[in-house]
Amino acid sequence: MRYSDFVSSEEGIATNVLANRLEHLVNKEILEKTPDPDDARKSIYLLTSKGKDLAPVFLAMVQWSQKWDDKTLVPQDYLANLVAGSAPNPQGEA
């Protein structure tokens, strides 16, 4: 994801907080920051292998939210596909 994708997300994270958190995740080797091939002035953040290993944790949190939070934004069919390993990337990317 690009920095601008995070900034424009529904969460509304303040840019200073976002920059700090992304830097922390890069320093902890959970994310990798690489130059954007379309615009070298920008960066793309990708999960590292270490970050991908957190997927079961995130999935458990999504499942908990689906069960206990009636305001969750995760559609039930998407969650079922995610658990089955067949959910598409919500950004339409591979």
Protein backbone atom coordinates (compact mmCIF):
# COMPACT_ATOMS: atom_id res chain seq x y z
CA MET A 1 0.00 0.00 0.00
CA ARG A 2 1.06 3.56 -0.59
CA TYR A 3 1.24 6.13 2.18
CA SER A 4 -1.61 8.00 0.46
CA ASP A 5 -3.79 4.87 0.72
CA PHE A 6 -3.33 4.88 4.49
CA VAL A 7 -3.97 8.63 4.72
CA SER A 8 -7.22 8.38 2.73
CA SER A 9 -8.53 5.33 4.63
CA GLU A 10 -11.71 5.54 6.68
CA GLU A 11 -9.78 5.30 9.94
CA GLY A 12 -8.69 8.93 9.61
CA ILE A 13 -5.28 8.45 11.22
CA ALA A 14 -3.39 11.70 11.75
CA THR A 15 -0.43 11.92 9.37
CA ASN A 16 2.13 12.31 12.17
CA VAL A 17 0.77 9.24 13.97
CA LEU A 18 0.66 7.28 10.71
CA ALA A 19 4.24 8.17 9.79
CA ASN A 20 5.43 7.18 13.26
CA ARG A 21 3.60 3.84 13.19
CA LEU A 22 4.79 2.96 9.69
CA GLU A 23 8.37 3.79 10.67
CA HIS A 24 8.03 1.61 13.77
CA LEU A 25 6.68 -1.33 11.73
CA VAL A 26 9.53 -0.94 9.22
CA ASN A 27 12.08 -0.84 12.06
CA LYS A 28 10.56 -4.00 13.54
CA GLU A 29 10.78 -5.65 10.08
CA ILE A 30 7.01 -6.20 9.87
CA LEU A 31 6.73 -3.90 6.86
CA GLU A 32 9.19 -3.22 4.07
CA LYS A 33 9.34 0.28 2.56
CA THR A 34 10.24 0.30 -1.13
CA PRO A 35 10.23 3.00 -3.81
CA ASP A 36 7.04 3.22 -5.83
CA PRO A 37 7.88 2.01 -9.36
CA ASP A 38 5.43 4.56 -10.79
CA ASP A 39 6.83 7.51 -8.82
CA ALA A 40 10.23 7.18 -7.13
CA ARG A 41 9.39 10.13 -4.84
CA LYS A 42 6.77 7.92 -3.14
CA SER A 43 7.01 4.67 -1.22
CA ILE A 44 5.07 1.43 -1.06
CA TYR A 45 4.73 -0.55 2.15
CA LEU A 46 4.67 -4.34 1.88
CA LEU A 47 4.40 -7.04 4.50
CA THR A 48 7.61 -8.94 5.16
CA SER A 49 7.59 -12.66 5.96
CA LYS A 50 7.56 -11.66 9.61
CA GLY A 51 4.52 -9.47 8.96
CA LYS A 52 2.74 -12.19 7.00
CA ASP A 53 3.18 -14.51 9.98
CA LEU A 54 0.82 -12.18 11.87
CA ALA A 55 -2.06 -13.10 9.53
CA PRO A 56 -3.59 -15.65 11.95
CA VAL A 57 -3.62 -12.99 14.68
CA PHE A 58 -5.38 -10.48 12.42
CA LEU A 59 -7.84 -13.13 11.25
CA ALA A 60 -8.70 -13.99 14.86
CA MET A 61 -9.32 -10.31 15.58
CA VAL A 62 -11.58 -9.99 12.53
CA GLN A 63 -13.51 -13.10 13.56
CA TRP A 64 -13.93 -11.75 17.08
CA SER A 65 -15.15 -8.42 15.72
CA GLN A 66 -17.61 -10.14 13.40
CA LYS A 67 -19.03 -12.08 16.35
CA TRP A 68 -19.16 -9.34 18.98
CA ASP A 69 -19.31 -5.98 17.18
CA ASP A 70 -22.50 -5.31 15.25
CA LYS A 71 -20.80 -2.33 13.60
CA THR A 72 -18.00 -4.37 12.03
CA LEU A 73 -17.25 -3.45 8.45
CA VAL A 74 -16.30 -6.98 7.41
CA PRO A 75 -19.06 -8.65 5.37
CA GLN A 76 -19.90 -12.17 6.57
CA ASP A 77 -19.29 -13.71 3.14
CA TYR A 78 -15.89 -12.04 2.87
CA LEU A 79 -14.94 -13.37 6.30
CA ALA A 80 -16.04 -16.88 5.36
CA ASN A 81 -13.91 -16.70 2.20
CA LEU A 82 -10.99 -15.27 4.18
CA VAL A 83 -11.13 -18.17 6.62
CA ALA A 84 -11.28 -20.58 3.68
CA GLY A 85 -8.28 -18.82 2.09
CA SER A 86 -10.15 -17.67 -0.99
CA ALA A 87 -10.97 -14.04 -0.26
CA PRO A 88 -9.85 -11.54 -2.88
CA ASN A 89 -7.63 -8.65 -1.90
CA PRO A 90 -9.99 -5.79 -0.94
CA GLN A 91 -7.86 -3.41 -3.04
CA GLY A 92 -8.22 -5.66 -6.10
CA GLU A 93 -4.51 -6.47 -6.08
CA ALA A 94 -2.88 -9.88 -6.19
